[in-house]
C-alpha atoms as a PDB file:
ATOM      1  CA  MET A   1     -31.848-121.952 -67.171  1.00  0.00           C
ATOM      2  CA  PHE A   2     -31.499-124.988 -64.919  1.00  0.00           C
ATOM      3  CA  VAL A   3     -34.642-126.553 -66.388  1.00  0.00           C
ATOM      4  CA  LYS A   4     -33.296-126.059 -69.919  1.00  0.00           C
ATOM      5  CA  ILE A   5     -29.965-127.719 -69.072  1.00  0.00           C
ATOM      6  CA  GLU A   6     -31.657-130.655 -67.358  1.00  0.00           C
ATOM      7  CA  LEU A   7     -34.119-131.103 -70.211  1.00  0.00           C
ATOM      8  CA  LYS A   8     -31.290-131.287 -72.751  1.00  0.00           C
ATOM      9  CA  GLN A   9     -29.410-133.850 -70.649  1.00  0.00           C
ATOM     10  CA  ILE A  10     -32.482-136.052 -70.235  1.00  0.00           C
ATOM     11  CA  LEU A  11     -33.427-135.910 -73.921  1.00  0.00           C
ATOM     12  CA  ARG A  12     -29.857-136.806 -74.930  1.00  0.00           C
ATOM     13  CA  SER A  13     -29.966-139.879 -72.714  1.00  0.00           C
ATOM     14  CA  ARG A  14     -30.036-143.203 -74.557  1.00  0.00           C
ATOM     15  CA  TRP A  15     -32.607-144.332 -71.998  1.00  0.00           C
ATOM     16  CA  MET A  16     -35.096-141.683 -73.113  1.00  0.00           C
ATOM     17  CA  GLN A  17     -34.477-142.415 -76.778  1.00  0.00           C
ATOM     18  CA  LEU A  18     -35.163-146.111 -76.173  1.00  0.00           C
ATOM     19  CA  VAL A  19     -38.303-145.262 -74.201  1.00  0.00           C
ATOM     20  CA  ALA A  20     -39.565-143.063 -77.048  1.00  0.00           C
ATOM     21  CA  PHE A  21     -38.926-145.828 -79.565  1.00  0.00           C
ATOM     22  CA  LEU A  22     -40.573-148.467 -77.367  1.00  0.00           C
ATOM     23  CA  PHE A  23     -43.760-146.487 -76.735  1.00  0.00           C
ATOM     24  CA  THR A  24     -44.051-145.484 -80.372  1.00  0.00           C
ATOM     25  CA  PHE A  25     -43.593-149.083 -81.535  1.00  0.00           C
ATOM     26  CA  VAL A  26     -46.029-150.542 -78.987  1.00  0.00           C
ATOM     27  CA  PHE A  27     -48.750-147.965 -79.594  1.00  0.00           C
ATOM     28  CA  VAL A  28     -48.496-148.234 -83.370  1.00  0.00           C
ATOM     29  CA  ALA A  29     -48.595-152.035 -83.102  1.00  0.00           C
ATOM     30  CA  ILE A  30     -51.768-151.811 -80.989  1.00  0.00           C
ATOM     31  CA  ILE A  31     -53.368-149.507 -83.537  1.00  0.00           C
ATOM     32  CA  VAL A  32     -52.489-151.738 -86.492  1.00  0.00           C
ATOM     33  CA  ILE A  33     -53.656-154.961 -84.845  1.00  0.00           C
ATOM     34  CA  GLN A  34     -56.857-153.569 -83.373  1.00  0.00           C
ATOM     35  CA  GLN A  35     -57.792-151.505 -86.428  1.00  0.00           C
ATOM     36  CA  MET A  36     -57.429-154.512 -88.711  1.00  0.00           C
ATOM     37  CA  ALA A  37     -59.110-156.985 -86.388  1.00  0.00           C
ATOM     38  CA  LEU A  38     -61.978-154.948 -84.961  1.00  0.00           C
ATOM     39  CA  PRO A  39     -64.434-152.355 -86.247  1.00  0.00           C
ATOM     40  CA  ASP A  40     -64.363-148.828 -84.834  1.00  0.00           C
ATOM     41  CA  ILE A  41     -66.997-148.722 -82.125  1.00  0.00           C
ATOM     42  CA  GLU A  42     -67.804-146.393 -79.262  1.00  0.00           C
ATOM     43  CA  GLY A  43     -67.158-147.069 -75.604  1.00  0.00           C
ATOM     44  CA  PHE A  44     -64.499-149.013 -73.771  1.00  0.00           C
ATOM     45  CA  THR A  45     -63.023-150.943 -76.706  1.00  0.00           C
ATOM     46  CA  ARG A  46     -60.125-153.387 -76.773  1.00  0.00           C
ATOM     47  CA  GLN A  47     -58.036-150.669 -78.383  1.00  0.00           C
ATOM     48  CA  THR A  48     -58.702-148.289 -75.492  1.00  0.00           C
ATOM     49  CA  ALA A  49     -58.114-151.056 -72.959  1.00  0.00           C
ATOM     50  CA  SER A  50     -54.779-151.900 -74.614  1.00  0.00           C
ATOM     51  CA  PHE A  51     -53.664-148.275 -74.516  1.00  0.00           C
ATOM     52  CA  LEU A  52     -54.709-147.982 -70.894  1.00  0.00           C
ATOM     53  CA  SER A  53     -52.911-151.182 -69.881  1.00  0.00           C
ATOM     54  CA  VAL A  54     -49.673-150.221 -71.633  1.00  0.00           C
ATOM     55  CA  LEU A  55     -49.709-146.713 -70.199  1.00  0.00           C
ATOM     56  CA  LEU A  56     -50.325-147.808 -66.622  1.00  0.00           C
ATOM     57  CA  PHE A  57     -47.884-150.720 -66.817  1.00  0.00           C
ATOM     58  CA  LEU A  58     -44.856-149.368 -68.696  1.00  0.00           C
ATOM     59  CA  LEU A  59     -45.005-145.605 -68.217  1.00  0.00           C
ATOM     60  CA  PRO A  60     -44.681-145.660 -64.380  1.00  0.00           C
ATOM     61  CA  LEU A  61     -41.764-148.085 -64.674  1.00  0.00           C
ATOM     62  CA  PHE A  62     -39.724-145.833 -66.947  1.00  0.00           C
ATOM     63  CA  ILE A  63     -40.650-142.652 -65.125  1.00  0.00           C
ATOM     64  CA  LEU A  64     -39.670-144.054 -61.726  1.00  0.00           C
ATOM     65  CA  THR A  65     -36.363-145.506 -62.914  1.00  0.00           C
ATOM     66  CA  ILE A  66     -35.210-142.594 -65.076  1.00  0.00           C
ATOM     67  CA  GLY A  67     -36.485-139.918 -62.683  1.00  0.00           C
ATOM     68  CA  SER A  68     -34.947-141.471 -59.588  1.00  0.00           C
ATOM     69  CA  MET A  69     -31.633-142.290 -61.270  1.00  0.00           C
ATOM     70  CA  SER A  70     -31.384-138.738 -62.587  1.00  0.00           C
ATOM     71  CA  VAL A  71     -31.615-137.254 -59.096  1.00  0.00           C
ATOM     72  CA  ALA A  72     -29.484-139.965 -57.467  1.00  0.00           C
ATOM     73  CA  GLY A  73     -26.879-139.502 -60.204  1.00  0.00           C
ATOM     74  CA  ASP A  74     -26.608-135.801 -59.337  1.00  0.00           C
ATOM     75  CA  ILE A  75     -26.013-136.669 -55.693  1.00  0.00           C
ATOM     76  CA  GLU A  76     -23.598-139.512 -56.414  1.00  0.00           C
ATOM     77  CA  SER A  77     -21.512-137.657 -59.022  1.00  0.00           C
ATOM     78  CA  GLY A  78     -21.206-134.456 -57.002  1.00  0.00           C
ATOM     79  CA  TRP A  79     -23.165-132.354 -59.502  1.00  0.00           C
ATOM     80  CA  LEU A  80     -25.607-131.399 -56.754  1.00  0.00           C
ATOM     81  CA  SER A  81     -22.723-130.310 -54.540  1.00  0.00           C
ATOM     82  CA  LEU A  82     -21.546-128.052 -57.354  1.00  0.00           C
ATOM     83  CA  LEU A  83     -25.027-126.598 -57.710  1.00  0.00           C
ATOM     84  CA  LYS A  84     -24.971-125.706 -54.004  1.00  0.00           C
ATOM     85  CA  THR A  85     -22.287-123.133 -54.743  1.00  0.00           C
ATOM     86  CA  TYR A  86     -24.839-121.204 -56.792  1.00  0.00           C
ATOM     87  CA  PRO A  87     -27.679-119.171 -55.248  1.00  0.00           C
ATOM     88  CA  MET A  88     -30.198-121.965 -55.739  1.00  0.00           C
ATOM     89  CA  LYS A  89     -32.555-123.169 -53.042  1.00  0.00           C
ATOM     90  CA  ARG A  90     -33.215-126.863 -52.585  1.00  0.00           C
ATOM     91  CA  MET A  91     -36.854-126.403 -53.570  1.00  0.00           C
ATOM     92  CA  GLN A  92     -35.713-124.725 -56.790  1.00  0.00           C
ATOM     93  CA  TYR A  93     -33.527-127.729 -57.594  1.00  0.00           C
ATOM     94  CA  ILE A  94     -36.383-130.175 -56.926  1.00  0.00           C
ATOM     95  CA  THR A  95     -38.852-128.084 -58.912  1.00  0.00           C
ATOM     96  CA  GLY A  96     -36.443-127.671 -61.834  1.00  0.00           C
ATOM     97  CA  LYS A  97     -35.727-131.391 -61.897  1.00  0.00           C
ATOM     98  CA  TYR A  98     -39.430-132.125 -61.761  1.00  0.00           C
ATOM     99  CA  VAL A  99     -40.338-129.771 -64.603  1.00  0.00           C
ATOM    100  CA  ALA A 100     -37.488-130.968 -66.860  1.00  0.00           C
ATOM    101  CA  THR A 101     -38.276-134.662 -66.345  1.00  0.00           C
ATOM    102  CA  ALA A 102     -42.017-134.147 -66.812  1.00  0.00           C
ATOM    103  CA  LEU A 103     -41.453-132.174 -70.034  1.00  0.00           C
ATOM    104  CA  ALA A 104     -39.124-134.878 -71.370  1.00  0.00           C
ATOM    105  CA  PHE A 105     -41.691-137.644 -70.849  1.00  0.00           C
ATOM    106  CA  LEU A 106     -44.454-135.423 -72.172  1.00  0.00           C
ATOM    107  CA  LEU A 107     -42.440-134.974 -75.378  1.00  0.00           C
ATOM    108  CA  VAL A 108     -41.996-138.747 -75.640  1.00  0.00           C
ATOM    109  CA  ILE A 109     -45.743-139.303 -75.339  1.00  0.00           C
ATOM    110  CA  VAL A 110     -46.500-136.537 -77.851  1.00  0.00           C
ATOM    111  CA  VAL A 111     -44.174-138.197 -80.374  1.00  0.00           C
ATOM    112  CA  ALA A 112     -45.752-141.622 -79.740  1.00  0.00           C
ATOM    113  CA  PHE A 113     -49.302-140.303 -80.038  1.00  0.00           C
ATOM    114  CA  GLY A 114     -48.305-138.385 -83.168  1.00  0.00           C
ATOM    115  CA  PHE A 115     -47.176-141.586 -84.848  1.00  0.00           C
ATOM    116  CA  VAL A 116     -50.353-143.307 -83.675  1.00  0.00           C
ATOM    117  CA  LEU A 117     -52.549-140.654 -85.278  1.00  0.00           C
ATOM    118  CA  ALA A 118     -50.474-140.687 -88.471  1.00  0.00           C
ATOM    119  CA  VAL A 119     -50.594-144.477 -88.859  1.00  0.00           C
ATOM    120  CA  GLY A 120     -54.235-144.566 -87.762  1.00  0.00           C
ATOM    121  CA  GLY A 121     -55.072-142.016 -90.449  1.00  0.00           C
ATOM    122  CA  LEU A 122     -53.609-144.309 -93.083  1.00  0.00           C
ATOM    123  CA  LEU A 123     -55.733-147.167 -91.768  1.00  0.00           C
ATOM    124  CA  GLY A 124     -58.989-145.266 -91.918  1.00  0.00           C
ATOM    125  CA  GLY A 125     -58.762-143.006 -88.880  1.00  0.00           C
ATOM    126  CA  VAL A 126     -58.283-143.483 -85.165  1.00  0.00           C
ATOM    127  CA  ARG A 127     -59.476-141.527 -82.149  1.00  0.00           C
ATOM    128  CA  LEU A 128     -57.576-140.877 -78.953  1.00  0.00           C
ATOM    129  CA  PRO A 129     -60.088-140.196 -76.178  1.00  0.00           C
ATOM    130  CA  ILE A 130     -59.394-136.899 -74.426  1.00  0.00           C
ATOM    131  CA  VAL A 131     -59.741-138.687 -71.070  1.00  0.00           C
ATOM    132  CA  LEU A 132     -56.933-141.061 -72.073  1.00  0.00           C
ATOM    133  CA  VAL A 133     -54.718-138.104 -72.987  1.00  0.00           C
ATOM    134  CA  MET A 134     -55.448-136.411 -69.656  1.00  0.00           C
ATOM    135  CA  LEU A 135     -54.796-139.676 -67.826  1.00  0.00           C
ATOM    136  CA  THR A 136     -51.391-139.875 -69.521  1.00  0.00           C
ATOM    137  CA  LEU A 137     -50.573-136.344 -68.401  1.00  0.00           C
ATOM    138  CA  LEU A 138     -51.608-137.130 -64.826  1.00  0.00           C
ATOM    139  CA  CYS A 139     -49.562-140.333 -64.874  1.00  0.00           C
ATOM    140  CA  ILE A 140     -46.474-138.365 -65.898  1.00  0.00           C
ATOM    141  CA  ILE A 141     -46.789-135.582 -63.343  1.00  0.00           C
ATOM    142  CA  ILE A 142     -47.598-137.971 -60.468  1.00  0.00           C
ATOM    143  CA  PHE A 143     -44.873-140.537 -61.099  1.00  0.00           C
ATOM    144  CA  VAL A 144     -42.183-137.960 -61.863  1.00  0.00           C
ATOM    145  CA  SER A 145     -42.858-136.610 -58.382  1.00  0.00           C
ATOM    146  CA  LEU A 146     -42.541-140.099 -56.877  1.00  0.00           C
ATOM    147  CA  GLY A 147     -39.395-140.788 -58.920  1.00  0.00           C
ATOM    148  CA  ILE A 148     -37.685-137.658 -57.592  1.00  0.00           C
ATOM    149  CA  LEU A 149     -38.539-138.678 -54.038  1.00  0.00           C
ATOM    150  CA  LEU A 150     -37.025-142.129 -54.591  1.00  0.00           C
ATOM    151  CA  GLY A 151     -33.884-140.586 -56.092  1.00  0.00           C
ATOM    152  CA  VAL A 152     -33.345-138.269 -53.125  1.00  0.00           C
ATOM    153  CA  PHE A 153     -33.873-141.161 -50.732  1.00  0.00           C
ATOM    154  CA  ALA A 154     -31.588-143.576 -52.616  1.00  0.00           C
ATOM    155  CA  LYS A 155     -28.614-141.189 -53.216  1.00  0.00           C
ATOM    156  CA  THR A 156     -26.914-143.689 -55.581  1.00  0.00           C
ATOM    157  CA  ARG A 157     -28.007-144.706 -59.061  1.00  0.00           C
ATOM    158  CA  LEU A 158     -27.870-148.451 -58.388  1.00  0.00           C
ATOM    159  CA  PHE A 159     -29.958-148.152 -55.234  1.00  0.00           C
ATOM    160  CA  ALA A 160     -32.358-145.818 -57.057  1.00  0.00           C
ATOM    161  CA  LEU A 161     -32.836-148.390 -59.825  1.00  0.00           C
ATOM    162  CA  ALA A 162     -33.455-151.206 -57.332  1.00  0.00           C
ATOM    163  CA  LEU A 163     -35.810-149.094 -55.228  1.00  0.00           C
ATOM    164  CA  SER A 164     -37.772-147.985 -58.289  1.00  0.00           C
ATOM    165  CA  LEU A 165     -38.255-151.585 -59.388  1.00  0.00           C
ATOM    166  CA  VAL A 166     -39.419-152.560 -55.909  1.00  0.00           C
ATOM    167  CA  VAL A 167     -41.929-149.695 -55.733  1.00  0.00           C
ATOM    168  CA  TRP A 168     -43.145-150.400 -59.276  1.00  0.00           C
ATOM    169  CA  SER A 169     -43.599-154.106 -58.468  1.00  0.00           C
ATOM    170  CA  LEU A 170     -45.461-153.200 -55.291  1.00  0.00           C
ATOM    171  CA  LEU A 171     -47.863-150.821 -57.028  1.00  0.00           C
ATOM    172  CA  LEU A 172     -48.470-152.869 -60.181  1.00  0.00           C
ATOM    173  CA  LEU A 173     -48.211-156.467 -59.011  1.00  0.00           C
ATOM    174  CA  LEU A 174     -47.784-157.220 -55.318  1.00  0.00           C
ATOM    175  CA  ILE A 175     -50.773-155.231 -54.047  1.00  0.00           C
ATOM    176  CA  SER A 176     -53.038-156.959 -56.579  1.00  0.00           C
ATOM    177  CA  TYR A 177     -51.732-160.374 -55.548  1.00  0.00           C
ATOM    178  CA  ALA A 178     -52.225-159.458 -51.886  1.00  0.00           C
ATOM    179  CA  LEU A 179     -55.843-158.488 -52.572  1.00  0.00           C
ATOM    180  CA  MET A 180     -56.456-161.809 -54.316  1.00  0.00           C
ATOM    181  CA  ALA A 181     -54.985-163.635 -51.321  1.00  0.00           C
ATOM    182  CA  ILE A 182     -57.090-161.597 -48.895  1.00  0.00           C
ATOM    183  CA  GLY A 183     -60.196-162.270 -50.997  1.00  0.00           C
ATOM    184  CA  ALA A 184     -59.732-165.997 -50.458  1.00  0.00           C
ATOM    185  CA  VAL A 185     -60.048-165.714 -46.665  1.00  0.00           C
ATOM    186  CA  VAL A 186     -62.311-162.731 -45.927  1.00  0.00           C
ATOM    187  CA  PRO A 187     -65.977-162.025 -46.802  1.00  0.00           C
ATOM    188  CA  GLY A 188     -66.783-160.076 -49.949  1.00  0.00           C
ATOM    189  CA  HIS A 189     -67.832-156.853 -48.201  1.00  0.00           C
ATOM    190  CA  PHE A 190     -64.478-156.702 -46.387  1.00  0.00           C
ATOM    191  CA  LEU A 191     -62.646-157.252 -49.661  1.00  0.00           C
ATOM    192  CA  GLN A 192     -64.673-154.456 -51.230  1.00  0.00           C
ATOM    193  CA  LYS A 193     -63.494-152.051 -48.514  1.00  0.00           C
ATOM    194  CA  PHE A 194     -59.889-153.162 -49.000  1.00  0.00           C
ATOM    195  CA  ILE A 195     -60.151-152.498 -52.728  1.00  0.00           C
ATOM    196  CA  ILE A 196     -61.605-149.024 -52.163  1.00  0.00           C
ATOM    197  CA  ILE A 197     -58.742-148.214 -49.787  1.00  0.00           C
ATOM    198  CA  THR A 198     -56.249-149.539 -52.313  1.00  0.00           C
ATOM    199  CA  ILE A 199     -57.704-147.316 -55.027  1.00  0.00           C
ATOM    200  CA  HIS A 200     -56.922-144.269 -52.878  1.00  0.00           C
ATOM    201  CA  ILE A 201     -53.421-145.270 -51.748  1.00  0.00           C
ATOM    202  CA  ASN A 202     -52.161-146.719 -55.029  1.00  0.00           C
ATOM    203  CA  PRO A 203     -51.611-144.044 -57.718  1.00  0.00           C
ATOM    204  CA  VAL A 204     -51.888-146.617 -60.519  1.00  0.00           C
ATOM    205  CA  GLU A 205     -55.329-147.748 -59.410  1.00  0.00           C
ATOM    206  CA  TRP A 206     -56.277-144.143 -58.676  1.00  0.00           C
ATOM    207  CA  LEU A 207     -55.560-143.196 -62.295  1.00  0.00           C
ATOM    208  CA  ARG A 208     -57.347-146.269 -63.635  1.00  0.00           C
ATOM    209  CA  PHE A 209     -60.354-145.455 -61.468  1.00  0.00           C
ATOM    210  CA  GLY A 210     -60.272-141.858 -62.728  1.00  0.00           C
ATOM    211  CA  TYR A 211     -60.370-143.035 -66.318  1.00  0.00           C
ATOM    212  CA  PHE A 212     -63.523-145.070 -65.740  1.00  0.00           C
ATOM    213  CA  ILE A 213     -65.150-142.197 -63.859  1.00  0.00           C
ATOM    214  CA  PHE A 214     -64.434-139.376 -66.283  1.00  0.00           C
ATOM    215  CA  SER A 215     -65.005-141.422 -69.438  1.00  0.00           C
ATOM    216  CA  ASN A 216     -68.490-142.387 -68.245  1.00  0.00           C
ATOM    217  CA  GLN A 217     -67.507-146.039 -68.098  1.00  0.00           C
ATOM    218  CA  ALA A 218     -68.092-146.496 -64.361  1.00  0.00           C
ATOM    219  CA  SER A 219     -70.379-149.445 -65.095  1.00  0.00           C
ATOM    220  CA  VAL A 220     -67.247-151.462 -65.900  1.00  0.00           C
ATOM    221  CA  LEU A 221     -66.476-151.464 -62.157  1.00  0.00           C
ATOM    222  CA  GLY A 222     -69.697-153.343 -61.388  1.00  0.00           C
ATOM    223  CA  PRO A 223     -72.540-152.769 -58.910  1.00  0.00           C
ATOM    224  CA  ALA A 224     -70.312-153.404 -55.883  1.00  0.00           C
ATOM    225  CA  PHE A 225     -68.712-149.987 -56.363  1.00  0.00           C
ATOM    226  CA  TYR A 226     -71.905-148.110 -57.154  1.00  0.00           C
ATOM    227  CA  ASP A 227     -71.747-145.860 -54.069  1.00  0.00           C
ATOM    228  CA  VAL A 228     -68.137-144.780 -54.521  1.00  0.00           C
ATOM    229  CA  THR A 229     -68.557-144.202 -58.251  1.00  0.00           C
ATOM    230  CA  ARG A 230     -71.757-142.200 -57.672  1.00  0.00           C
ATOM    231  CA  PHE A 231     -69.869-139.982 -55.202  1.00  0.00           C
ATOM    232  CA  TYR A 232     -66.978-139.310 -57.586  1.00  0.00           C
ATOM    233  CA  LEU A 233     -69.397-138.616 -60.423  1.00  0.00           C
ATOM    234  CA  SER A 234     -70.871-135.768 -58.371  1.00  0.00           C
ATOM    235  CA  PRO A 235     -69.348-132.243 -58.455  1.00  0.00           C
ATOM    236  CA  LEU A 236     -68.049-132.671 -54.892  1.00  0.00           C
ATOM    237  CA  GLY A 237     -66.500-136.008 -55.776  1.00  0.00           C
ATOM    238  CA  GLN A 238     -64.693-134.507 -58.743  1.00  0.00           C
ATOM    239  CA  VAL A 239     -63.274-131.777 -56.494  1.00  0.00           C
ATOM    240  CA  VAL A 240     -62.124-134.459 -54.028  1.00  0.00           C
ATOM    241  CA  TYR A 241     -60.528-136.395 -56.892  1.00  0.00           C
ATOM    242  CA  GLY A 242     -58.634-133.262 -57.922  1.00  0.00           C
ATOM    243  CA  ILE A 243     -57.449-132.590 -54.365  1.00  0.00           C
ATOM    244  CA  ILE A 244     -56.181-136.146 -53.861  1.00  0.00           C
ATOM    245  CA  THR A 245     -54.411-136.028 -57.226  1.00  0.00           C
ATOM    246  CA  ILE A 246     -52.704-132.755 -56.292  1.00  0.00           C
ATOM    247  CA  LEU A 247     -51.593-134.297 -53.003  1.00  0.00           C
ATOM    248  CA  TRP A 248     -49.992-137.181 -54.929  1.00  0.00           C
ATOM    249  CA  ILE A 249     -47.935-134.556 -56.785  1.00  0.00           C
ATOM    250  CA  VAL A 250     -47.110-132.068 -54.044  1.00  0.00           C
ATOM    251  CA  LEU A 251     -46.435-134.287 -51.029  1.00  0.00           C
ATOM    252  CA  PRO A 252     -43.585-136.348 -52.608  1.00  0.00           C
ATOM    253  CA  LEU A 253     -41.891-133.133 -53.782  1.00  0.00           C
ATOM    254  CA  MET A 254     -42.167-131.581 -50.313  1.00  0.00           C
ATOM    255  CA  LEU A 255     -40.825-134.746 -48.701  1.00  0.00           C
ATOM    256  CA  ALA A 256     -37.964-134.893 -51.229  1.00  0.00           C
ATOM    257  CA  THR A 257     -37.013-131.289 -50.390  1.00  0.00           C
ATOM    258  CA  LYS A 258     -37.085-132.089 -46.688  1.00  0.00           C
ATOM    259  CA  LEU A 259     -34.918-135.202 -47.120  1.00  0.00           C
ATOM    260  CA  LEU A 260     -32.456-133.231 -49.232  1.00  0.00           C
ATOM    261  CA  LYS A 261     -32.091-130.575 -46.538  1.00  0.00           C
ATOM    262  CA  GLU A 262     -31.749-133.149 -43.764  1.00  0.00           C
ATOM    263  CA  GLY A 263     -29.083-134.999 -45.758  1.00  0.00           C
ATOM    264  CA  GLU A 264     -27.011-131.818 -46.045  1.00  0.00           C
ATOM    265  CA  ARG A 265     -27.055-131.258 -42.303  1.00  0.00           C
ATOM    266  CA  ARG A 266     -25.516-134.652 -41.547  1.00  0.00           C
END
């Protein structure tokens, strides 16, 4: 019941409607431009690269901001205090919020991909790689978890918005700039180790790395990452990838529940 109410509220939000329009417009524009300019070829094409870049750049931004502001808005407005009067555990609230937000963004992506396939069909056909679809799903379920954690920590919508932008900038921009700066002063083998560490501690790079691994495009990463790509191409490596991905989902939700309980005791 709680999930249904939250899902309706999120879908009615002007923010979500604008996000749905933006993704649909951007994806259709990519399809039209690439389909007219380039032939349909196999492998890591410009079309696939454009989809991947847009997904990993814009989708985390909107998920973090909307997800965190949704939770912080409940705390700030007193809606969460009202929910405490009902027999609902804090983990149930976090889980319900997580499921509702994830379903809302999943619906947005389904609508955007639906328009892409429809327009692509008119232009002679377009394929959406299954790995790209799975990557989108993983992006949603990971960053919704992080967004809820930021919302619980922020407690106010304005702080949640600012914190989400800071975290998004850190993951998408600042870490990359820091690696470039480090690369100018340290030997190449040290930089390689820093990049491998960054892949594991940055969910954006983790998802990008997963796309190259599971789409059999690991050669794009170059010979410097041969050992790590060979490991993750093995059955054991794929299990490890799944475990780390699950940790990115579960740990923020557990920490958010803990922070919510500690905040009530103060």
